[in-house]
């Protein structure tokens, strides 16, 4: 059952027939607009100040961080990884 489909994010509830009290939420996001905005911001943003926008993170990564209880070091590790490369705006190391 789709219970939310807004702002480019679609959430669907999936029940487990073998365990009726268990529900899984499937999250889908069209990341093309995210990637387009990252490409645009790489070109137009000044990256020489103290505050820099490092990345624009997809919803699935944010939700993974919540479930895995990421701390600051976990975020730094992910943001500096190859997996984060498509979403990075500022290319420096964190």
PDB file of N, CA and C in Angstrom:
ATOM      1  N   UNK A   1       0.845  -1.174   0.000  1.00  0.00           N
ATOM      2  CA  UNK A   1       0.000   0.000   0.000  1.00  0.00           C
ATOM      3  C   UNK A   1       0.895   1.243   0.000  1.00  0.00           C
ATOM      4  N   UNK A   2       0.724   2.099  -0.991  1.00  0.00           N
ATOM      5  CA  UNK A   2       1.447   3.369  -1.033  1.00  0.00           C
ATOM      6  C   UNK A   2       0.781   4.310  -0.042  1.00  0.00           C
ATOM      7  N   UNK A   3       1.559   4.813   0.906  1.00  0.00           N
ATOM      8  CA  UNK A   3       0.965   5.736   1.868  1.00  0.00           C
ATOM      9  C   UNK A   3       1.497   7.152   1.719  1.00  0.00           C
ATOM     10  N   UNK A   4       2.523   7.329   0.898  1.00  0.00           N
ATOM     11  CA  UNK A   4       3.003   8.689   0.647  1.00  0.00           C
ATOM     12  C   UNK A   4       3.722   8.700  -0.692  1.00  0.00           C
ATOM     13  N   UNK A   5       3.360   9.671  -1.515  1.00  0.00           N
ATOM     14  CA  UNK A   5       3.996   9.837  -2.813  1.00  0.00           C
ATOM     15  C   UNK A   5       4.037  11.337  -3.078  1.00  0.00           C
ATOM     16  N   UNK A   6       5.103  11.963  -2.584  1.00  0.00           N
ATOM     17  CA  UNK A   6       5.177  13.420  -2.650  1.00  0.00           C
ATOM     18  C   UNK A   6       6.636  13.860  -2.694  1.00  0.00           C
ATOM     19  N   UNK A   7       6.899  14.959  -3.346  1.00  0.00           N
ATOM     20  CA  UNK A   7       8.226  15.570  -3.396  1.00  0.00           C
ATOM     21  C   UNK A   7       9.286  14.618  -3.948  1.00  0.00           C
ATOM     22  N   UNK A   8       8.898  13.755  -4.879  1.00  0.00           N
ATOM     23  CA  UNK A   8       9.848  12.846  -5.497  1.00  0.00           C
ATOM     24  C   UNK A   8      10.183  11.615  -4.669  1.00  0.00           C
ATOM     25  N   UNK A   9       9.493  11.436  -3.537  1.00  0.00           N
ATOM     26  CA  UNK A   9       9.737  10.280  -2.668  1.00  0.00           C
ATOM     27  C   UNK A   9       8.432   9.501  -2.531  1.00  0.00           C
ATOM     28  N   UNK A  10       8.520   8.204  -2.786  1.00  0.00           N
ATOM     29  CA  UNK A  10       7.346   7.328  -2.682  1.00  0.00           C
ATOM     30  C   UNK A  10       7.618   6.293  -1.596  1.00  0.00           C
ATOM     31  N   UNK A  11       6.691   6.178  -0.649  1.00  0.00           N
ATOM     32  CA  UNK A  11       6.815   5.215   0.450  1.00  0.00           C
ATOM     33  C   UNK A  11       5.663   4.210   0.372  1.00  0.00           C
ATOM     34  N   UNK A  12       6.041   2.934   0.435  1.00  0.00           N
ATOM     35  CA  UNK A  12       5.072   1.857   0.330  1.00  0.00           C
ATOM     36  C   UNK A  12       5.199   0.952   1.550  1.00  0.00           C
ATOM     37  N   UNK A  13       4.064   0.622   2.168  1.00  0.00           N
ATOM     38  CA  UNK A  13       4.043  -0.331   3.277  1.00  0.00           C
ATOM     39  C   UNK A  13       3.916  -1.736   2.710  1.00  0.00           C
ATOM     40  N   UNK A  14       4.738  -2.637   3.206  1.00  0.00           N
ATOM     41  CA  UNK A  14       4.706  -4.035   2.770  1.00  0.00           C
ATOM     42  C   UNK A  14       4.560  -4.910   4.010  1.00  0.00           C
ATOM     43  N   UNK A  15       3.463  -5.679   4.049  1.00  0.00           N
ATOM     44  CA  UNK A  15       3.227  -6.579   5.179  1.00  0.00           C
ATOM     45  C   UNK A  15       3.816  -7.943   4.887  1.00  0.00           C
ATOM     46  N   UNK A  16       4.322  -8.570   5.922  1.00  0.00           N
ATOM     47  CA  UNK A  16       4.855  -9.929   5.822  1.00  0.00           C
ATOM     48  C   UNK A  16       3.721 -10.883   6.174  1.00  0.00           C
ATOM     49  N   UNK A  17       3.281 -11.693   5.204  1.00  0.00           N
ATOM     50  CA  UNK A  17       2.162 -12.612   5.440  1.00  0.00           C
ATOM     51  C   UNK A  17       2.479 -13.631   6.530  1.00  0.00           C
ATOM     52  N   UNK A  18       3.750 -14.008   6.664  1.00  0.00           N
ATOM     53  CA  UNK A  18       4.131 -14.971   7.690  1.00  0.00           C
ATOM     54  C   UNK A  18       4.205 -14.335   9.080  1.00  0.00           C
ATOM     55  N   UNK A  19       4.464 -13.038   9.121  1.00  0.00           N
ATOM     56  CA  UNK A  19       4.512 -12.295  10.387  1.00  0.00           C
ATOM     57  C   UNK A  19       3.659 -11.040  10.232  1.00  0.00           C
ATOM     58  N   UNK A  20       2.348 -11.139  10.448  1.00  0.00           N
ATOM     59  CA  UNK A  20       1.431 -10.024  10.185  1.00  0.00           C
ATOM     60  C   UNK A  20       1.697  -8.763  11.020  1.00  0.00           C
ATOM     61  N   UNK A  21       2.420  -8.893  12.114  1.00  0.00           N
ATOM     62  CA  UNK A  21       2.740  -7.710  12.924  1.00  0.00           C
ATOM     63  C   UNK A  21       3.989  -6.985  12.429  1.00  0.00           C
ATOM     64  N   UNK A  22       4.599  -7.515  11.395  1.00  0.00           N
ATOM     65  CA  UNK A  22       5.820  -6.926  10.847  1.00  0.00           C
ATOM     66  C   UNK A  22       5.487  -6.167   9.562  1.00  0.00           C
ATOM     67  N   UNK A  23       5.931  -4.919   9.496  1.00  0.00           N
ATOM     68  CA  UNK A  23       5.708  -4.082   8.323  1.00  0.00           C
ATOM     69  C   UNK A  23       7.053  -3.509   7.882  1.00  0.00           C
ATOM     70  N   UNK A  24       7.288  -3.500   6.588  1.00  0.00           N
ATOM     71  CA  UNK A  24       8.495  -2.917   6.022  1.00  0.00           C
ATOM     72  C   UNK A  24       8.074  -1.715   5.196  1.00  0.00           C
ATOM     73  N   UNK A  25       8.853  -0.646   5.273  1.00  0.00           N
ATOM     74  CA  UNK A  25       8.591   0.534   4.457  1.00  0.00           C
ATOM     75  C   UNK A  25       9.616   0.559   3.335  1.00  0.00           C
ATOM     76  N   UNK A  26       9.125   0.513   2.120  1.00  0.00           N
ATOM     77  CA  UNK A  26       9.995   0.624   0.945  1.00  0.00           C
ATOM     78  C   UNK A  26       9.986   2.085   0.512  1.00  0.00           C
ATOM     79  N   UNK A  27      11.169   2.674   0.402  1.00  0.00           N
ATOM     80  CA  UNK A  27      11.295   4.064  -0.008  1.00  0.00           C
ATOM     81  C   UNK A  27      11.939   4.123  -1.378  1.00  0.00           C
ATOM     82  N   UNK A  28      11.314   4.859  -2.275  1.00  0.00           N
ATOM     83  CA  UNK A  28      11.841   5.057  -3.622  1.00  0.00           C
ATOM     84  C   UNK A  28      11.970   6.559  -3.859  1.00  0.00           C
ATOM     85  N   UNK A  29      13.044   6.934  -4.537  1.00  0.00           N
ATOM     86  CA  UNK A  29      13.258   8.346  -4.842  1.00  0.00           C
ATOM     87  C   UNK A  29      13.845   8.468  -6.243  1.00  0.00           C
ATOM     88  N   UNK A  30      13.309   9.376  -7.015  1.00  0.00           N
ATOM     89  CA  UNK A  30      13.891   9.699  -8.304  1.00  0.00           C
ATOM     90  C   UNK A  30      15.075  10.625  -8.018  1.00  0.00           C
ATOM     91  N   UNK A  31      16.287  10.119  -8.184  1.00  0.00           N
ATOM     92  CA  UNK A  31      17.452  10.925  -7.805  1.00  0.00           C
ATOM     93  C   UNK A  31      17.958  11.807  -8.938  1.00  0.00           C
ATOM     94  N   UNK A  32      17.331  11.724 -10.123  1.00  0.00           N
ATOM     95  CA  UNK A  32      17.761  12.585 -11.226  1.00  0.00           C
ATOM     96  C   UNK A  32      17.710  14.068 -10.853  1.00  0.00           C
ATOM     97  N   UNK A  33      16.628  14.567 -10.226  1.00  0.00           N
ATOM     98  CA  UNK A  33      16.630  15.974  -9.836  1.00  0.00           C
ATOM     99  C   UNK A  33      17.732  16.305  -8.820  1.00  0.00           C
ATOM    100  N   UNK A  34      18.036  15.361  -7.944  1.00  0.00           N
ATOM    101  CA  UNK A  34      19.116  15.560  -6.974  1.00  0.00           C
ATOM    102  C   UNK A  34      20.446  15.692  -7.706  1.00  0.00           C
ATOM    103  N   UNK A  35      20.712  14.769  -8.628  1.00  0.00           N
ATOM    104  CA  UNK A  35      21.964  14.800  -9.379  1.00  0.00           C
ATOM    105  C   UNK A  35      22.071  16.051 -10.251  1.00  0.00           C
ATOM    106  N   UNK A  36      20.954  16.489 -10.834  1.00  0.00           N
ATOM    107  CA  UNK A  36      20.955  17.719 -11.624  1.00  0.00           C
ATOM    108  C   UNK A  36      21.284  18.927 -10.763  1.00  0.00           C
ATOM    109  N   UNK A  37      20.717  18.969  -9.556  1.00  0.00           N
ATOM    110  CA  UNK A  37      20.997  20.107  -8.668  1.00  0.00           C
ATOM    111  C   UNK A  37      22.440  20.082  -8.172  1.00  0.00           C
ATOM    112  N   UNK A  38      22.990  18.891  -7.974  1.00  0.00           N
ATOM    113  CA  UNK A  38      24.397  18.776  -7.576  1.00  0.00           C
ATOM    114  C   UNK A  38      25.291  19.315  -8.688  1.00  0.00           C
ATOM    115  N   UNK A  39      25.024  18.903  -9.928  1.00  0.00           N
ATOM    116  CA  UNK A  39      25.825  19.368 -11.070  1.00  0.00           C
ATOM    117  C   UNK A  39      25.738  20.886 -11.192  1.00  0.00           C
ATOM    118  N   UNK A  40      24.542  21.437 -11.042  1.00  0.00           N
ATOM    119  CA  UNK A  40      24.362  22.891 -11.120  1.00  0.00           C
ATOM    120  C   UNK A  40      25.143  23.599 -10.023  1.00  0.00           C
ATOM    121  N   UNK A  41      25.023  23.094  -8.790  1.00  0.00           N
ATOM    122  CA  UNK A  41      25.677  23.759  -7.658  1.00  0.00           C
ATOM    123  C   UNK A  41      27.189  23.633  -7.700  1.00  0.00           C
ATOM    124  N   UNK A  42      27.709  22.561  -8.297  1.00  0.00           N
ATOM    125  CA  UNK A  42      29.165  22.439  -8.462  1.00  0.00           C
ATOM    126  C   UNK A  42      29.699  23.600  -9.295  1.00  0.00           C
ATOM    127  N   UNK A  43      28.902  24.023 -10.264  1.00  0.00           N
ATOM    128  CA  UNK A  43      29.324  25.089 -11.175  1.00  0.00           C
ATOM    129  C   UNK A  43      29.151  26.482 -10.585  1.00  0.00           C
ATOM    130  N   UNK A  44      28.066  26.724  -9.857  1.00  0.00           N
ATOM    131  CA  UNK A  44      27.743  28.100  -9.468  1.00  0.00           C
ATOM    132  C   UNK A  44      28.157  28.485  -8.048  1.00  0.00           C
ATOM    133  N   UNK A  45      28.408  27.506  -7.190  1.00  0.00           N
ATOM    134  CA  UNK A  45      28.714  27.844  -5.797  1.00  0.00           C
ATOM    135  C   UNK A  45      30.185  28.172  -5.624  1.00  0.00           C
ATOM    136  N   UNK A  46      30.437  29.214  -4.833  1.00  0.00           N
ATOM    137  CA  UNK A  46      31.816  29.536  -4.465  1.00  0.00           C
ATOM    138  C   UNK A  46      32.235  28.580  -3.360  1.00  0.00           C
ATOM    139  N   UNK A  47      33.386  27.962  -3.500  1.00  0.00           N
ATOM    140  CA  UNK A  47      33.833  26.964  -2.534  1.00  0.00           C
ATOM    141  C   UNK A  47      35.063  27.443  -1.773  1.00  0.00           C
ATOM    142  N   UNK A  48      35.177  28.745  -1.587  1.00  0.00           N
ATOM    143  CA  UNK A  48      36.363  29.272  -0.933  1.00  0.00           C
ATOM    144  C   UNK A  48      36.085  29.878   0.435  1.00  0.00           C
ATOM    145  N   UNK A  49      34.867  29.803   0.911  1.00  0.00           N
ATOM    146  CA  UNK A  49      34.528  30.349   2.219  1.00  0.00           C
ATOM    147  C   UNK A  49      34.668  29.318   3.323  1.00  0.00           C
ATOM    148  N   UNK A  50      34.335  29.733   4.522  1.00  0.00           N
ATOM    149  CA  UNK A  50      34.415  28.838   5.677  1.00  0.00           C
ATOM    150  C   UNK A  50      33.329  27.766   5.614  1.00  0.00           C
ATOM    151  N   UNK A  51      32.120  28.170   5.258  1.00  0.00           N
ATOM    152  CA  UNK A  51      31.001  27.227   5.169  1.00  0.00           C
ATOM    153  C   UNK A  51      30.859  26.740   3.739  1.00  0.00           C
ATOM    154  N   UNK A  52      30.838  25.416   3.580  1.00  0.00           N
ATOM    155  CA  UNK A  52      30.714  24.815   2.259  1.00  0.00           C
ATOM    156  C   UNK A  52      29.603  23.770   2.293  1.00  0.00           C
ATOM    157  N   UNK A  53      28.843  23.730   1.213  1.00  0.00           N
ATOM    158  CA  UNK A  53      27.843  22.677   1.065  1.00  0.00           C
ATOM    159  C   UNK A  53      28.571  21.474   0.492  1.00  0.00           C
ATOM    160  N   UNK A  54      28.728  20.443   1.284  1.00  0.00           N
ATOM    161  CA  UNK A  54      29.526  19.285   0.880  1.00  0.00           C
ATOM    162  C   UNK A  54      28.775  18.383  -0.090  1.00  0.00           C
ATOM    163  N   UNK A  55      27.480  18.141   0.158  1.00  0.00           N
ATOM    164  CA  UNK A  55      26.749  17.176  -0.666  1.00  0.00           C
ATOM    165  C   UNK A  55      25.255  17.377  -0.508  1.00  0.00           C
ATOM    166  N   UNK A  56      24.517  16.791  -1.421  1.00  0.00           N
ATOM    167  CA  UNK A  56      23.071  16.702  -1.312  1.00  0.00           C
ATOM    168  C   UNK A  56      22.764  15.211  -1.225  1.00  0.00           C
ATOM    169  N   UNK A  57      22.279  14.772  -0.083  1.00  0.00           N
ATOM    170  CA  UNK A  57      22.159  13.345   0.236  1.00  0.00           C
ATOM    171  C   UNK A  57      20.753  12.831  -0.098  1.00  0.00           C
ATOM    172  N   UNK A  58      20.647  11.724  -0.832  1.00  0.00           N
ATOM    173  CA  UNK A  58      19.335  11.138  -1.118  1.00  0.00           C
ATOM    174  C   UNK A  58      18.659  10.630   0.161  1.00  0.00           C
ATOM    175  N   UNK A  59      17.339  10.554   0.109  1.00  0.00           N
ATOM    176  CA  UNK A  59      16.554  10.108   1.257  1.00  0.00           C
ATOM    177  C   UNK A  59      16.991   8.719   1.721  1.00  0.00           C
ATOM    178  N   UNK A  60      17.289   7.822   0.800  1.00  0.00           N
ATOM    179  CA  UNK A  60      17.659   6.450   1.183  1.00  0.00           C
ATOM    180  C   UNK A  60      18.928   6.423   2.035  1.00  0.00           C
ATOM    181  N   UNK A  61      19.867   7.302   1.738  1.00  0.00           N
ATOM    182  CA  UNK A  61      21.101   7.359   2.541  1.00  0.00           C
ATOM    183  C   UNK A  61      20.805   7.937   3.910  1.00  0.00           C
ATOM    184  N   UNK A  62      20.000   8.991   3.958  1.00  0.00           N
ATOM    185  CA  UNK A  62      19.624   9.556   5.257  1.00  0.00           C
ATOM    186  C   UNK A  62      18.937   8.494   6.113  1.00  0.00           C
ATOM    187  N   UNK A  63      17.981   7.769   5.528  1.00  0.00           N
ATOM    188  CA  UNK A  63      17.263   6.745   6.295  1.00  0.00           C
ATOM    189  C   UNK A  63      18.206   5.632   6.743  1.00  0.00           C
ATOM    190  N   UNK A  64      19.152   5.246   5.902  1.00  0.00           N
ATOM    191  CA  UNK A  64      20.159   4.259   6.302  1.00  0.00           C
ATOM    192  C   UNK A  64      20.958   4.762   7.495  1.00  0.00           C
ATOM    193  N   UNK A  65      21.310   6.035   7.482  1.00  0.00           N
ATOM    194  CA  UNK A  65      22.085   6.604   8.594  1.00  0.00           C
ATOM    195  C   UNK A  65      21.291   6.578   9.902  1.00  0.00           C
ATOM    196  N   UNK A  66      19.997   6.794   9.797  1.00  0.00           N
ATOM    197  CA  UNK A  66      19.142   6.752  10.993  1.00  0.00           C
ATOM    198  C   UNK A  66      19.068   5.327  11.529  1.00  0.00           C
ATOM    199  N   UNK A  67      18.815   4.362  10.651  1.00  0.00           N
ATOM    200  CA  UNK A  67      18.693   2.962  11.074  1.00  0.00           C
ATOM    201  C   UNK A  67      19.998   2.425  11.652  1.00  0.00           C
ATOM    202  N   UNK A  68      21.123   2.856  11.073  1.00  0.00           N
ATOM    203  CA  UNK A  68      22.429   2.378  11.540  1.00  0.00           C
ATOM    204  C   UNK A  68      23.034   3.285  12.607  1.00  0.00           C
ATOM    205  N   UNK A  69      22.315   4.346  12.965  1.00  0.00           N
ATOM    206  CA  UNK A  69      22.719   5.288  14.014  1.00  0.00           C
ATOM    207  C   UNK A  69      24.109   5.878  13.761  1.00  0.00           C
ATOM    208  N   UNK A  70      24.269   6.448  12.558  1.00  0.00           N
ATOM    209  CA  UNK A  70      25.544   7.047  12.205  1.00  0.00           C
ATOM    210  C   UNK A  70      25.858   8.231  13.087  1.00  0.00           C
ATOM    211  N   UNK A  71      27.109   8.352  13.443  1.00  0.00           N
ATOM    212  CA  UNK A  71      27.621   9.531  14.127  1.00  0.00           C
ATOM    213  C   UNK A  71      28.411  10.373  13.130  1.00  0.00           C
ATOM    214  N   UNK A  72      29.058  11.410  13.616  1.00  0.00           N
ATOM    215  CA  UNK A  72      29.811  12.317  12.747  1.00  0.00           C
ATOM    216  C   UNK A  72      30.902  11.583  11.963  1.00  0.00           C
ATOM    217  N   UNK A  73      31.606  10.663  12.607  1.00  0.00           N
ATOM    218  CA  UNK A  73      32.664   9.916  11.913  1.00  0.00           C
ATOM    219  C   UNK A  73      32.103   9.041  10.796  1.00  0.00           C
ATOM    220  N   UNK A  74      30.926   8.451  11.027  1.00  0.00           N
ATOM    221  CA  UNK A  74      30.290   7.630   9.996  1.00  0.00           C
ATOM    222  C   UNK A  74      29.903   8.482   8.791  1.00  0.00           C
ATOM    223  N   UNK A  75      29.362   9.683   9.057  1.00  0.00           N
ATOM    224  CA  UNK A  75      29.014  10.591   7.960  1.00  0.00           C
ATOM    225  C   UNK A  75      30.258  11.003   7.182  1.00  0.00           C
ATOM    226  N   UNK A  76      31.326  11.325   7.874  1.00  0.00           N
ATOM    227  CA  UNK A  76      32.571  11.700   7.190  1.00  0.00           C
ATOM    228  C   UNK A  76      33.078  10.561   6.322  1.00  0.00           C
ATOM    229  N   UNK A  77      33.040   9.349   6.859  1.00  0.00           N
ATOM    230  CA  UNK A  77      33.497   8.180   6.112  1.00  0.00           C
ATOM    231  C   UNK A  77      32.659   8.010   4.835  1.00  0.00           C
ATOM    232  N   UNK A  78      31.333   8.116   4.978  1.00  0.00           N
ATOM    233  CA  UNK A  78      30.474   7.953   3.812  1.00  0.00           C
ATOM    234  C   UNK A  78      30.695   9.089   2.814  1.00  0.00           C
ATOM    235  N   UNK A  79      30.725  10.332   3.293  1.00  0.00           N
ATOM    236  CA  UNK A  79      30.876  11.474   2.395  1.00  0.00           C
ATOM    237  C   UNK A  79      32.208  11.462   1.641  1.00  0.00           C
ATOM    238  N   UNK A  80      33.231  10.866   2.229  1.00  0.00           N
ATOM    239  CA  UNK A  80      34.533  10.776   1.568  1.00  0.00           C
ATOM    240  C   UNK A  80      34.673   9.506   0.723  1.00  0.00           C
ATOM    241  N   UNK A  81      33.631   8.684   0.669  1.00  0.00           N
ATOM    242  CA  UNK A  81      33.697   7.412  -0.059  1.00  0.00           C
ATOM    243  C   UNK A  81      33.315   7.597  -1.532  1.00  0.00           C
ATOM    244  N   UNK A  82      33.626   6.584  -2.317  1.00  0.00           N
ATOM    245  CA  UNK A  82      33.252   6.582  -3.735  1.00  0.00           C
ATOM    246  C   UNK A  82      31.730   6.552  -3.906  1.00  0.00           C
ATOM    247  N   UNK A  83      31.024   5.942  -2.959  1.00  0.00           N
ATOM    248  CA  UNK A  83      29.561   5.872  -3.033  1.00  0.00           C
ATOM    249  C   UNK A  83      28.939   7.267  -3.016  1.00  0.00           C
ATOM    250  N   UNK A  84      29.554   8.202  -2.313  1.00  0.00           N
ATOM    251  CA  UNK A  84      29.021   9.558  -2.183  1.00  0.00           C
ATOM    252  C   UNK A  84      29.405  10.467  -3.338  1.00  0.00           C
ATOM    253  N   UNK A  85      30.370  10.058  -4.133  1.00  0.00           N
ATOM    254  CA  UNK A  85      30.911  10.911  -5.197  1.00  0.00           C
ATOM    255  C   UNK A  85      29.841  11.581  -6.075  1.00  0.00           C
ATOM    256  N   UNK A  86      28.832  10.864  -6.547  1.00  0.00           N
ATOM    257  CA  UNK A  86      27.834  11.522  -7.410  1.00  0.00           C
ATOM    258  C   UNK A  86      27.050  12.633  -6.704  1.00  0.00           C
ATOM    259  N   UNK A  87      27.022  12.597  -5.376  1.00  0.00           N
ATOM    260  CA  UNK A  87      26.216  13.542  -4.613  1.00  0.00           C
ATOM    261  C   UNK A  87      27.039  14.678  -4.017  1.00  0.00           C
ATOM    262  N   UNK A  88      28.353  14.632  -4.187  1.00  0.00           N
ATOM    263  CA  UNK A  88      29.242  15.649  -3.631  1.00  0.00           C
ATOM    264  C   UNK A  88      29.208  16.914  -4.463  1.00  0.00           C
ATOM    265  N   UNK A  89      29.099  18.044  -3.788  1.00  0.00           N
ATOM    266  CA  UNK A  89      29.165  19.344  -4.423  1.00  0.00           C
ATOM    267  C   UNK A  89      30.559  19.910  -4.221  1.00  0.00           C
ATOM    268  N   UNK A  90      30.999  19.950  -2.999  1.00  0.00           N
ATOM    269  CA  UNK A  90      32.351  20.382  -2.679  1.00  0.00           C
ATOM    270  C   UNK A  90      33.243  19.153  -2.706  1.00  0.00           C
ATOM    271  N   UNK A  91      34.351  19.218  -3.418  1.00  0.00           N
ATOM    272  CA  UNK A  91      35.188  18.041  -3.648  1.00  0.00           C
ATOM    273  C   UNK A  91      36.282  17.831  -2.609  1.00  0.00           C
ATOM    274  N   UNK A  92      36.408  18.718  -1.635  1.00  0.00           N
ATOM    275  CA  UNK A  92      37.444  18.545  -0.625  1.00  0.00           C
ATOM    276  C   UNK A  92      37.158  17.404   0.328  1.00  0.00           C
ATOM    277  N   UNK A  93      38.156  17.015   1.113  1.00  0.00           N
ATOM    278  CA  UNK A  93      37.970  15.960   2.121  1.00  0.00           C
ATOM    279  C   UNK A  93      37.346  16.553   3.368  1.00  0.00           C
ATOM    280  N   UNK A  94      36.501  15.777   3.988  1.00  0.00           N
ATOM    281  CA  UNK A  94      35.864  16.208   5.246  1.00  0.00           C
ATOM    282  C   UNK A  94      36.644  15.640   6.404  1.00  0.00           C
TER     283      UNK A  94
END
